[in-house]
């Protein structure tokens, strides 16, 4: 297991370096000068040149990237062009908000989705299954921001039960986390149902039933364990997506998270913040991939065996 994890960590480092290089190059070659955006189109050319020199923007691209990598290794991603705050401080503050929203949303998605998927698979072909599948289609088709607006109108404006903006109180988490959680719960339920249906018809499940085991033991002790791999894959990417920030939902609920940070930095061409935000998103997905792969090895020992053979 240690060898397998070490190999995946090495691959992760290589992928992160590749992502940072491509991101850096793409952001710096797109049209538009952030200095002119800050100082105005009528700014004195000499003042613009001085600002570009102070920011290191007049250096060759590879030299800029080299400096960026060396500074990043010291956890120094520079300062925002506009607020002058350290990018690491901004990312830490914004990421904390996004992660808290993501975790609550993820819990809703997993609990509702897995339970609904198992229940639908067990009741296959019956009215309960058709009802679950109808709800799954509805929530998968409905954009999260549209569900968010409906929840705001119903519970915030009409009933006045919950706040509709910001996250100043624990109650403020309910609407955004519910709107995100229901969207991802629908995907989870569909994957869980499909995976469970593939497993329920296997011989070992029929053998377990023939031994007289209770249905709960058969479903949760035998079928679900062997149906976990596709569910783990999907849920890992879902958590990565949630932790990367959901731009539209954060904008709808005025949540100062990573998603809204990326939108604002793109509008202002605040390159240090934009690069830092993209690096955060990339790292989240790469790390979630690593965690999913490691979970594979725990769930299915055959993966560990195949990894050892590949190394040999």
C-alpha atoms as a PDB file:
ATOM      1  CA  UNK A   1       0.000   0.000   0.000  1.00  0.00           C
ATOM      2  CA  UNK A   2       2.845   2.422   0.844  1.00  0.00           C
ATOM      3  CA  UNK A   3       4.432   1.802  -2.573  1.00  0.00           C
ATOM      4  CA  UNK A   4       1.116   2.420  -4.307  1.00  0.00           C
ATOM      5  CA  UNK A   5       0.518   5.685  -2.427  1.00  0.00           C
ATOM      6  CA  UNK A   6       4.104   6.835  -3.096  1.00  0.00           C
ATOM      7  CA  UNK A   7       3.691   6.225  -6.814  1.00  0.00           C
ATOM      8  CA  UNK A   8       0.440   8.206  -6.886  1.00  0.00           C
ATOM      9  CA  UNK A   9       2.023  11.073  -4.915  1.00  0.00           C
ATOM     10  CA  UNK A  10       4.820  11.316  -7.484  1.00  0.00           C
ATOM     11  CA  UNK A  11       2.270  11.413 -10.299  1.00  0.00           C
ATOM     12  CA  UNK A  12       0.353  14.097  -8.402  1.00  0.00           C
ATOM     13  CA  UNK A  13       3.419  16.352  -8.138  1.00  0.00           C
ATOM     14  CA  UNK A  14       4.096  16.017 -11.873  1.00  0.00           C
ATOM     15  CA  UNK A  15       0.488  16.802 -12.749  1.00  0.00           C
ATOM     16  CA  UNK A  16       0.453  19.869 -10.495  1.00  0.00           C
ATOM     17  CA  UNK A  17       3.608  21.226 -12.136  1.00  0.00           C
ATOM     18  CA  UNK A  18       2.057  20.724 -15.570  1.00  0.00           C
ATOM     19  CA  UNK A  19      -1.175  22.434 -14.554  1.00  0.00           C
ATOM     20  CA  UNK A  20       0.596  25.434 -13.050  1.00  0.00           C
ATOM     21  CA  UNK A  21       2.751  25.891 -16.180  1.00  0.00           C
ATOM     22  CA  UNK A  22      -0.170  25.698 -18.613  1.00  0.00           C
ATOM     23  CA  UNK A  23      -2.292  27.973 -16.423  1.00  0.00           C
ATOM     24  CA  UNK A  24       0.502  30.508 -16.082  1.00  0.00           C
ATOM     25  CA  UNK A  25       1.194  30.607 -19.825  1.00  0.00           C
ATOM     26  CA  UNK A  26      -2.475  30.814 -20.859  1.00  0.00           C
ATOM     27  CA  UNK A  27      -3.277  33.606 -18.420  1.00  0.00           C
ATOM     28  CA  UNK A  28      -0.283  35.713 -19.441  1.00  0.00           C
ATOM     29  CA  UNK A  29      -0.784  35.382 -23.210  1.00  0.00           C
ATOM     30  CA  UNK A  30      -4.465  36.360 -23.326  1.00  0.00           C
ATOM     31  CA  UNK A  31      -5.149  39.854 -24.683  1.00  0.00           C
ATOM     32  CA  UNK A  32      -5.363  42.759 -22.264  1.00  0.00           C
ATOM     33  CA  UNK A  33      -2.952  44.535 -19.953  1.00  0.00           C
ATOM     34  CA  UNK A  34      -3.943  44.471 -16.267  1.00  0.00           C
ATOM     35  CA  UNK A  35      -1.777  47.543 -15.615  1.00  0.00           C
ATOM     36  CA  UNK A  36      -3.850  49.572 -18.078  1.00  0.00           C
ATOM     37  CA  UNK A  37      -7.022  48.255 -16.437  1.00  0.00           C
ATOM     38  CA  UNK A  38      -5.754  49.461 -13.049  1.00  0.00           C
ATOM     39  CA  UNK A  39      -4.359  52.816 -14.220  1.00  0.00           C
ATOM     40  CA  UNK A  40      -6.768  53.569 -17.035  1.00  0.00           C
ATOM     41  CA  UNK A  41      -6.339  53.640 -20.799  1.00  0.00           C
ATOM     42  CA  UNK A  42      -5.066  57.243 -20.703  1.00  0.00           C
ATOM     43  CA  UNK A  43      -2.294  56.508 -18.197  1.00  0.00           C
ATOM     44  CA  UNK A  44       1.180  57.882 -18.889  1.00  0.00           C
ATOM     45  CA  UNK A  45       3.225  55.255 -20.807  1.00  0.00           C
ATOM     46  CA  UNK A  46       6.219  55.865 -18.555  1.00  0.00           C
ATOM     47  CA  UNK A  47       4.090  55.219 -15.450  1.00  0.00           C
ATOM     48  CA  UNK A  48       2.696  52.074 -17.068  1.00  0.00           C
ATOM     49  CA  UNK A  49       6.231  50.871 -17.853  1.00  0.00           C
ATOM     50  CA  UNK A  50       7.350  51.513 -14.269  1.00  0.00           C
ATOM     51  CA  UNK A  51       4.369  49.572 -12.911  1.00  0.00           C
ATOM     52  CA  UNK A  52       5.043  46.654 -15.280  1.00  0.00           C
ATOM     53  CA  UNK A  53       8.689  46.637 -14.131  1.00  0.00           C
ATOM     54  CA  UNK A  54       7.695  46.678 -10.461  1.00  0.00           C
ATOM     55  CA  UNK A  55       5.342  43.736 -11.058  1.00  0.00           C
ATOM     56  CA  UNK A  56       7.970  41.835 -13.084  1.00  0.00           C
ATOM     57  CA  UNK A  57       5.763  41.803 -16.164  1.00  0.00           C
ATOM     58  CA  UNK A  58       8.543  43.027 -18.451  1.00  0.00           C
ATOM     59  CA  UNK A  59      10.595  39.859 -17.911  1.00  0.00           C
ATOM     60  CA  UNK A  60      10.632  36.907 -20.359  1.00  0.00           C
ATOM     61  CA  UNK A  61       7.758  34.500 -19.804  1.00  0.00           C
ATOM     62  CA  UNK A  62       9.931  31.574 -18.665  1.00  0.00           C
ATOM     63  CA  UNK A  63      11.757  33.789 -16.182  1.00  0.00           C
ATOM     64  CA  UNK A  64       8.427  34.977 -14.814  1.00  0.00           C
ATOM     65  CA  UNK A  65       7.300  31.380 -14.441  1.00  0.00           C
ATOM     66  CA  UNK A  66      10.556  30.402 -12.741  1.00  0.00           C
ATOM     67  CA  UNK A  67      10.142  33.196 -10.218  1.00  0.00           C
ATOM     68  CA  UNK A  68       6.535  32.191  -9.703  1.00  0.00           C
ATOM     69  CA  UNK A  69       7.465  28.553  -8.980  1.00  0.00           C
ATOM     70  CA  UNK A  70      10.257  29.520  -6.560  1.00  0.00           C
ATOM     71  CA  UNK A  71       7.938  31.902  -4.715  1.00  0.00           C
ATOM     72  CA  UNK A  72       5.127  29.333  -4.719  1.00  0.00           C
ATOM     73  CA  UNK A  73       7.438  26.807  -3.045  1.00  0.00           C
ATOM     74  CA  UNK A  74       7.704  29.350  -0.222  1.00  0.00           C
ATOM     75  CA  UNK A  75       3.902  29.703  -0.225  1.00  0.00           C
ATOM     76  CA  UNK A  76       4.228  33.197  -1.660  1.00  0.00           C
ATOM     77  CA  UNK A  77       1.782  33.753  -4.527  1.00  0.00           C
ATOM     78  CA  UNK A  78       2.183  37.528  -4.564  1.00  0.00           C
ATOM     79  CA  UNK A  79      -0.316  40.262  -3.776  1.00  0.00           C
ATOM     80  CA  UNK A  80      -3.606  41.256  -5.319  1.00  0.00           C
ATOM     81  CA  UNK A  81      -3.243  44.099  -7.820  1.00  0.00           C
ATOM     82  CA  UNK A  82      -6.250  45.892  -6.346  1.00  0.00           C
ATOM     83  CA  UNK A  83      -6.528  45.135  -2.611  1.00  0.00           C
ATOM     84  CA  UNK A  84      -2.765  44.599  -2.086  1.00  0.00           C
ATOM     85  CA  UNK A  85      -3.590  41.630   0.170  1.00  0.00           C
ATOM     86  CA  UNK A  86      -1.441  38.524   0.095  1.00  0.00           C
ATOM     87  CA  UNK A  87      -2.992  35.990  -2.282  1.00  0.00           C
ATOM     88  CA  UNK A  88      -2.402  33.196   0.214  1.00  0.00           C
ATOM     89  CA  UNK A  89      -4.372  35.112   2.866  1.00  0.00           C
ATOM     90  CA  UNK A  90      -7.266  35.740   0.479  1.00  0.00           C
ATOM     91  CA  UNK A  91      -7.310  32.109  -0.678  1.00  0.00           C
ATOM     92  CA  UNK A  92      -7.194  30.806   2.888  1.00  0.00           C
ATOM     93  CA  UNK A  93     -10.118  32.989   3.932  1.00  0.00           C
ATOM     94  CA  UNK A  94     -12.213  32.272   0.841  1.00  0.00           C
ATOM     95  CA  UNK A  95     -11.370  28.553   0.758  1.00  0.00           C
ATOM     96  CA  UNK A  96     -12.489  28.158   4.369  1.00  0.00           C
ATOM     97  CA  UNK A  97     -15.928  29.499   3.451  1.00  0.00           C
ATOM     98  CA  UNK A  98     -16.191  27.363   0.309  1.00  0.00           C
ATOM     99  CA  UNK A  99     -15.081  24.199   2.124  1.00  0.00           C
ATOM    100  CA  UNK A 100     -17.623  24.692   4.917  1.00  0.00           C
ATOM    101  CA  UNK A 101     -20.442  25.093   2.380  1.00  0.00           C
ATOM    102  CA  UNK A 102     -19.093  22.155   0.358  1.00  0.00           C
ATOM    103  CA  UNK A 103     -18.964  19.762   3.308  1.00  0.00           C
ATOM    104  CA  UNK A 104     -22.535  20.457   4.416  1.00  0.00           C
ATOM    105  CA  UNK A 105     -23.740  20.151   0.813  1.00  0.00           C
ATOM    106  CA  UNK A 106     -21.782  16.931   0.382  1.00  0.00           C
ATOM    107  CA  UNK A 107     -23.322  15.375   3.497  1.00  0.00           C
ATOM    108  CA  UNK A 108     -26.804  16.164   2.162  1.00  0.00           C
ATOM    109  CA  UNK A 109     -25.899  14.745  -1.256  1.00  0.00           C
ATOM    110  CA  UNK A 110     -24.428  11.517   0.106  1.00  0.00           C
ATOM    111  CA  UNK A 111     -27.114  10.758   2.681  1.00  0.00           C
ATOM    112  CA  UNK A 112     -30.066  11.564   0.432  1.00  0.00           C
ATOM    113  CA  UNK A 113     -28.489  10.195  -2.749  1.00  0.00           C
ATOM    114  CA  UNK A 114     -27.189   6.854  -1.450  1.00  0.00           C
ATOM    115  CA  UNK A 115     -30.339   6.087   0.523  1.00  0.00           C
ATOM    116  CA  UNK A 116     -32.592   7.027  -2.402  1.00  0.00           C
ATOM    117  CA  UNK A 117     -30.473   5.023  -4.862  1.00  0.00           C
ATOM    118  CA  UNK A 118     -30.489   1.886  -2.705  1.00  0.00           C
ATOM    119  CA  UNK A 119     -34.221   2.196  -2.034  1.00  0.00           C
ATOM    120  CA  UNK A 120     -34.964   2.676  -5.739  1.00  0.00           C
ATOM    121  CA  UNK A 121     -32.837  -0.354  -6.678  1.00  0.00           C
ATOM    122  CA  UNK A 122     -34.526  -2.568  -4.079  1.00  0.00           C
ATOM    123  CA  UNK A 123     -37.987  -1.419  -5.300  1.00  0.00           C
ATOM    124  CA  UNK A 124     -37.072  -1.778  -8.972  1.00  0.00           C
ATOM    125  CA  UNK A 125     -40.097  -1.583 -11.276  1.00  0.00           C
ATOM    126  CA  UNK A 126     -42.496  -0.549  -8.523  1.00  0.00           C
ATOM    127  CA  UNK A 127     -44.162   2.818  -8.020  1.00  0.00           C
ATOM    128  CA  UNK A 128     -41.568   3.790  -5.406  1.00  0.00           C
ATOM    129  CA  UNK A 129     -38.833   3.272  -7.983  1.00  0.00           C
ATOM    130  CA  UNK A 130     -40.691   5.328 -10.597  1.00  0.00           C
ATOM    131  CA  UNK A 131     -41.245   8.135  -8.095  1.00  0.00           C
ATOM    132  CA  UNK A 132     -37.573   8.195  -7.108  1.00  0.00           C
ATOM    133  CA  UNK A 133     -36.441   8.174 -10.725  1.00  0.00           C
ATOM    134  CA  UNK A 134     -38.811  11.027 -11.581  1.00  0.00           C
ATOM    135  CA  UNK A 135     -37.398  13.145  -8.762  1.00  0.00           C
ATOM    136  CA  UNK A 136     -33.863  12.249  -9.835  1.00  0.00           C
ATOM    137  CA  UNK A 137     -34.537  13.425 -13.397  1.00  0.00           C
ATOM    138  CA  UNK A 138     -36.104  16.667 -12.141  1.00  0.00           C
ATOM    139  CA  UNK A 139     -33.208  17.597  -9.852  1.00  0.00           C
ATOM    140  CA  UNK A 140     -30.563  16.552 -12.388  1.00  0.00           C
ATOM    141  CA  UNK A 141     -32.214  18.674 -15.081  1.00  0.00           C
ATOM    142  CA  UNK A 142     -32.737  21.724 -12.862  1.00  0.00           C
ATOM    143  CA  UNK A 143     -29.657  23.994 -12.602  1.00  0.00           C
ATOM    144  CA  UNK A 144     -28.465  24.547  -9.041  1.00  0.00           C
ATOM    145  CA  UNK A 145     -28.814  28.334  -9.309  1.00  0.00           C
ATOM    146  CA  UNK A 146     -32.445  27.943 -10.470  1.00  0.00           C
ATOM    147  CA  UNK A 147     -33.204  25.747  -7.463  1.00  0.00           C
ATOM    148  CA  UNK A 148     -31.397  28.340  -5.345  1.00  0.00           C
ATOM    149  CA  UNK A 149     -33.648  31.123  -6.637  1.00  0.00           C
ATOM    150  CA  UNK A 150     -36.780  29.072  -5.938  1.00  0.00           C
ATOM    151  CA  UNK A 151     -35.600  28.353  -2.396  1.00  0.00           C
ATOM    152  CA  UNK A 152     -34.828  32.028  -1.858  1.00  0.00           C
ATOM    153  CA  UNK A 153     -38.285  33.065  -3.035  1.00  0.00           C
ATOM    154  CA  UNK A 154     -40.128  30.382  -1.056  1.00  0.00           C
ATOM    155  CA  UNK A 155     -38.242  30.273   2.259  1.00  0.00           C
ATOM    156  CA  UNK A 156     -36.582  33.665   2.266  1.00  0.00           C
ATOM    157  CA  UNK A 157     -38.998  36.140   0.710  1.00  0.00           C
ATOM    158  CA  UNK A 158     -42.426  34.534   1.115  1.00  0.00           C
ATOM    159  CA  UNK A 159     -42.124  32.606   4.392  1.00  0.00           C
ATOM    160  CA  UNK A 160     -39.210  34.661   5.781  1.00  0.00           C
ATOM    161  CA  UNK A 161     -37.830  31.629   7.595  1.00  0.00           C
ATOM    162  CA  UNK A 162     -34.242  31.781   6.402  1.00  0.00           C
ATOM    163  CA  UNK A 163     -31.722  34.412   5.252  1.00  0.00           C
ATOM    164  CA  UNK A 164     -31.153  34.608   1.513  1.00  0.00           C
ATOM    165  CA  UNK A 165     -27.739  36.284   1.399  1.00  0.00           C
ATOM    166  CA  UNK A 166     -24.366  35.816   3.020  1.00  0.00           C
ATOM    167  CA  UNK A 167     -23.350  33.296   5.666  1.00  0.00           C
ATOM    168  CA  UNK A 168     -23.439  35.413   8.797  1.00  0.00           C
ATOM    169  CA  UNK A 169     -25.267  32.738  10.820  1.00  0.00           C
ATOM    170  CA  UNK A 170     -25.628  28.932  10.825  1.00  0.00           C
ATOM    171  CA  UNK A 171     -29.155  29.310   9.404  1.00  0.00           C
ATOM    172  CA  UNK A 172     -27.683  31.054   6.350  1.00  0.00           C
ATOM    173  CA  UNK A 173     -26.024  27.781   5.307  1.00  0.00           C
ATOM    174  CA  UNK A 174     -29.330  25.936   4.920  1.00  0.00           C
ATOM    175  CA  UNK A 175     -30.529  27.321   1.579  1.00  0.00           C
ATOM    176  CA  UNK A 176     -27.228  27.265  -0.374  1.00  0.00           C
ATOM    177  CA  UNK A 177     -26.260  23.848   0.985  1.00  0.00           C
ATOM    178  CA  UNK A 178     -29.711  22.445   0.217  1.00  0.00           C
ATOM    179  CA  UNK A 179     -29.718  23.780  -3.341  1.00  0.00           C
ATOM    180  CA  UNK A 180     -26.274  22.302  -4.008  1.00  0.00           C
ATOM    181  CA  UNK A 181     -26.897  19.110  -2.052  1.00  0.00           C
ATOM    182  CA  UNK A 182     -30.118  18.217  -3.891  1.00  0.00           C
ATOM    183  CA  UNK A 183     -28.422  18.658  -7.271  1.00  0.00           C
ATOM    184  CA  UNK A 184     -25.570  16.332  -6.376  1.00  0.00           C
ATOM    185  CA  UNK A 185     -27.899  13.969  -4.494  1.00  0.00           C
ATOM    186  CA  UNK A 186     -29.733  13.286  -7.758  1.00  0.00           C
ATOM    187  CA  UNK A 187     -26.484  12.240  -9.474  1.00  0.00           C
ATOM    188  CA  UNK A 188     -25.498  10.140  -6.472  1.00  0.00           C
ATOM    189  CA  UNK A 189     -28.876   8.389  -6.440  1.00  0.00           C
ATOM    190  CA  UNK A 190     -28.652   7.558 -10.145  1.00  0.00           C
ATOM    191  CA  UNK A 191     -25.140   6.126  -9.824  1.00  0.00           C
ATOM    192  CA  UNK A 192     -26.046   4.211  -6.677  1.00  0.00           C
ATOM    193  CA  UNK A 193     -29.158   2.705  -8.251  1.00  0.00           C
ATOM    194  CA  UNK A 194     -27.308   1.611 -11.396  1.00  0.00           C
ATOM    195  CA  UNK A 195     -24.406   0.148  -9.421  1.00  0.00           C
ATOM    196  CA  UNK A 196     -26.715  -1.662  -6.999  1.00  0.00           C
ATOM    197  CA  UNK A 197     -28.763  -3.158  -9.835  1.00  0.00           C
ATOM    198  CA  UNK A 198     -25.574  -4.560 -11.380  1.00  0.00           C
ATOM    199  CA  UNK A 199     -24.657  -6.214  -8.084  1.00  0.00           C
ATOM    200  CA  UNK A 200     -28.039  -7.406  -6.817  1.00  0.00           C
ATOM    201  CA  UNK A 201     -28.349  -9.897  -9.674  1.00  0.00           C
ATOM    202  CA  UNK A 202     -25.000 -11.561  -8.951  1.00  0.00           C
ATOM    203  CA  UNK A 203     -24.766 -15.170  -7.755  1.00  0.00           C
ATOM    204  CA  UNK A 204     -23.241 -14.354  -4.370  1.00  0.00           C
ATOM    205  CA  UNK A 205     -26.219 -12.118  -3.523  1.00  0.00           C
ATOM    206  CA  UNK A 206     -28.657 -14.891  -4.394  1.00  0.00           C
ATOM    207  CA  UNK A 207     -26.558 -17.299  -2.327  1.00  0.00           C
ATOM    208  CA  UNK A 208     -26.703 -14.935   0.653  1.00  0.00           C
ATOM    209  CA  UNK A 209     -30.470 -14.794   0.378  1.00  0.00           C
ATOM    210  CA  UNK A 210     -30.658 -18.587   0.037  1.00  0.00           C
ATOM    211  CA  UNK A 211     -28.755 -18.919   3.328  1.00  0.00           C
ATOM    212  CA  UNK A 212     -31.602 -17.108   5.020  1.00  0.00           C
ATOM    213  CA  UNK A 213     -29.782 -13.843   5.770  1.00  0.00           C
ATOM    214  CA  UNK A 214     -31.928 -10.838   6.491  1.00  0.00           C
ATOM    215  CA  UNK A 215     -32.517  -8.521   3.548  1.00  0.00           C
ATOM    216  CA  UNK A 216     -30.799  -5.645   5.355  1.00  0.00           C
ATOM    217  CA  UNK A 217     -27.644  -7.769   5.751  1.00  0.00           C
ATOM    218  CA  UNK A 218     -27.784  -8.860   2.114  1.00  0.00           C
ATOM    219  CA  UNK A 219     -28.176  -5.302   0.798  1.00  0.00           C
ATOM    220  CA  UNK A 220     -25.789  -3.422   3.095  1.00  0.00           C
ATOM    221  CA  UNK A 221     -23.360  -6.201   3.992  1.00  0.00           C
ATOM    222  CA  UNK A 222     -22.909  -7.848   0.602  1.00  0.00           C
ATOM    223  CA  UNK A 223     -24.371  -5.839  -2.278  1.00  0.00           C
ATOM    224  CA  UNK A 224     -23.455  -2.288  -1.249  1.00  0.00           C
ATOM    225  CA  UNK A 225     -19.831  -3.149  -0.450  1.00  0.00           C
ATOM    226  CA  UNK A 226     -19.264  -4.459  -3.955  1.00  0.00           C
ATOM    227  CA  UNK A 227     -21.155  -1.561  -5.540  1.00  0.00           C
ATOM    228  CA  UNK A 228     -19.004   1.096  -3.876  1.00  0.00           C
ATOM    229  CA  UNK A 229     -16.271   1.633  -6.482  1.00  0.00           C
ATOM    230  CA  UNK A 230     -18.330   3.613  -9.041  1.00  0.00           C
ATOM    231  CA  UNK A 231     -20.050   5.443  -6.176  1.00  0.00           C
ATOM    232  CA  UNK A 232     -16.679   6.402  -4.655  1.00  0.00           C
ATOM    233  CA  UNK A 233     -15.452   7.632  -8.040  1.00  0.00           C
ATOM    234  CA  UNK A 234     -18.475   9.820  -8.614  1.00  0.00           C
ATOM    235  CA  UNK A 235     -18.637  11.108  -5.021  1.00  0.00           C
ATOM    236  CA  UNK A 236     -14.935  11.997  -5.079  1.00  0.00           C
ATOM    237  CA  UNK A 237     -15.361  14.188  -8.139  1.00  0.00           C
ATOM    238  CA  UNK A 238     -18.481  15.718  -6.604  1.00  0.00           C
ATOM    239  CA  UNK A 239     -16.623  16.719  -3.456  1.00  0.00           C
ATOM    240  CA  UNK A 240     -13.817  18.153  -5.575  1.00  0.00           C
ATOM    241  CA  UNK A 241     -16.313  20.169  -7.599  1.00  0.00           C
ATOM    242  CA  UNK A 242     -17.998  21.487  -4.459  1.00  0.00           C
ATOM    243  CA  UNK A 243     -14.708  22.393  -2.769  1.00  0.00           C
ATOM    244  CA  UNK A 244     -13.573  24.218  -5.903  1.00  0.00           C
ATOM    245  CA  UNK A 245     -16.392  26.705  -5.517  1.00  0.00           C
ATOM    246  CA  UNK A 246     -19.711  26.895  -7.320  1.00  0.00           C
ATOM    247  CA  UNK A 247     -19.645  30.259  -9.038  1.00  0.00           C
ATOM    248  CA  UNK A 248     -23.319  30.760  -9.813  1.00  0.00           C
ATOM    249  CA  UNK A 249     -24.615  29.553  -6.453  1.00  0.00           C
ATOM    250  CA  UNK A 250     -22.089  31.677  -4.573  1.00  0.00           C
ATOM    251  CA  UNK A 251     -23.130  34.679  -6.626  1.00  0.00           C
ATOM    252  CA  UNK A 252     -26.848  34.030  -6.050  1.00  0.00           C
ATOM    253  CA  UNK A 253     -26.405  33.782  -2.271  1.00  0.00           C
ATOM    254  CA  UNK A 254     -23.626  36.419  -2.122  1.00  0.00           C
ATOM    255  CA  UNK A 255     -21.191  33.952  -0.544  1.00  0.00           C
ATOM    256  CA  UNK A 256     -17.564  35.201  -0.506  1.00  0.00           C
ATOM    257  CA  UNK A 257     -16.041  31.874  -1.563  1.00  0.00           C
ATOM    258  CA  UNK A 258     -13.578  30.657  -4.181  1.00  0.00           C
ATOM    259  CA  UNK A 259     -16.162  30.647  -6.978  1.00  0.00           C
ATOM    260  CA  UNK A 260     -17.065  34.303  -6.567  1.00  0.00           C
ATOM    261  CA  UNK A 261     -13.355  35.115  -6.140  1.00  0.00           C
ATOM    262  CA  UNK A 262     -12.568  33.601  -9.550  1.00  0.00           C
ATOM    263  CA  UNK A 263     -15.377  35.552 -11.204  1.00  0.00           C
ATOM    264  CA  UNK A 264     -14.268  38.845  -9.626  1.00  0.00           C
ATOM    265  CA  UNK A 265     -10.583  38.297 -10.441  1.00  0.00           C
ATOM    266  CA  UNK A 266     -11.414  37.488 -14.068  1.00  0.00           C
ATOM    267  CA  UNK A 267     -13.499  40.636 -14.393  1.00  0.00           C
ATOM    268  CA  UNK A 268     -10.711  42.805 -12.916  1.00  0.00           C
ATOM    269  CA  UNK A 269      -7.837  40.897 -14.551  1.00  0.00           C
ATOM    270  CA  UNK A 270      -6.291  40.504 -11.092  1.00  0.00           C
ATOM    271  CA  UNK A 271      -3.720  37.970 -12.285  1.00  0.00           C
ATOM    272  CA  UNK A 272      -2.157  36.944  -8.939  1.00  0.00           C
ATOM    273  CA  UNK A 273      -5.592  36.166  -7.484  1.00  0.00           C
ATOM    274  CA  UNK A 274      -6.696  34.463 -10.686  1.00  0.00           C
ATOM    275  CA  UNK A 275      -3.601  32.256 -10.844  1.00  0.00           C
ATOM    276  CA  UNK A 276      -3.899  31.441  -7.145  1.00  0.00           C
ATOM    277  CA  UNK A 277      -7.566  30.539  -7.549  1.00  0.00           C
ATOM    278  CA  UNK A 278      -6.894  28.300 -10.543  1.00  0.00           C
ATOM    279  CA  UNK A 279      -4.052  26.614  -8.662  1.00  0.00           C
ATOM    280  CA  UNK A 280      -6.373  25.973  -5.728  1.00  0.00           C
ATOM    281  CA  UNK A 281      -9.034  24.436  -7.980  1.00  0.00           C
ATOM    282  CA  UNK A 282      -6.438  22.288  -9.755  1.00  0.00           C
ATOM    283  CA  UNK A 283      -4.940  21.074  -6.484  1.00  0.00           C
ATOM    284  CA  UNK A 284      -8.376  20.173  -5.135  1.00  0.00           C
ATOM    285  CA  UNK A 285      -9.167  17.973  -8.133  1.00  0.00           C
ATOM    286  CA  UNK A 286      -5.719  16.364  -8.223  1.00  0.00           C
ATOM    287  CA  UNK A 287      -5.806  15.623  -4.497  1.00  0.00           C
ATOM    288  CA  UNK A 288      -9.345  14.243  -4.737  1.00  0.00           C
ATOM    289  CA  UNK A 289      -8.168  11.967  -7.564  1.00  0.00           C
ATOM    290  CA  UNK A 290      -5.369  10.742  -5.315  1.00  0.00           C
ATOM    291  CA  UNK A 291      -7.775  10.098  -2.428  1.00  0.00           C
ATOM    292  CA  UNK A 292     -10.182   8.218  -4.707  1.00  0.00           C
ATOM    293  CA  UNK A 293      -7.347   6.034  -6.021  1.00  0.00           C
ATOM    294  CA  UNK A 294      -6.202   5.241  -2.493  1.00  0.00           C
ATOM    295  CA  UNK A 295      -9.775   4.396  -1.484  1.00  0.00           C
ATOM    296  CA  UNK A 296      -9.917   2.052  -4.477  1.00  0.00           C
ATOM    297  CA  UNK A 297      -6.983   0.153  -3.058  1.00  0.00           C
ATOM    298  CA  UNK A 298      -8.730  -0.203   0.307  1.00  0.00           C
ATOM    299  CA  UNK A 299     -12.078  -1.228  -1.188  1.00  0.00           C
ATOM    300  CA  UNK A 300     -10.711  -3.613  -3.823  1.00  0.00           C
ATOM    301  CA  UNK A 301      -7.462  -5.472  -2.881  1.00  0.00           C
ATOM    302  CA  UNK A 302      -7.032  -6.509  -6.530  1.00  0.00           C
ATOM    303  CA  UNK A 303      -5.909  -2.952  -7.297  1.00  0.00           C
ATOM    304  CA  UNK A 304      -3.051  -3.224  -4.788  1.00  0.00           C
ATOM    305  CA  UNK A 305      -2.016  -6.539  -6.297  1.00  0.00           C
ATOM    306  CA  UNK A 306      -2.055  -5.196  -9.860  1.00  0.00           C
ATOM    307  CA  UNK A 307      -0.037  -2.154  -8.733  1.00  0.00           C
ATOM    308  CA  UNK A 308       2.641  -4.400  -7.206  1.00  0.00           C
ATOM    309  CA  UNK A 309       2.862  -6.497 -10.378  1.00  0.00           C
ATOM    310  CA  UNK A 310       3.195  -3.340 -12.490  1.00  0.00           C
ATOM    311  CA  UNK A 311       6.081  -2.118 -10.337  1.00  0.00           C
ATOM    312  CA  UNK A 312       7.834  -5.481 -10.521  1.00  0.00           C
END
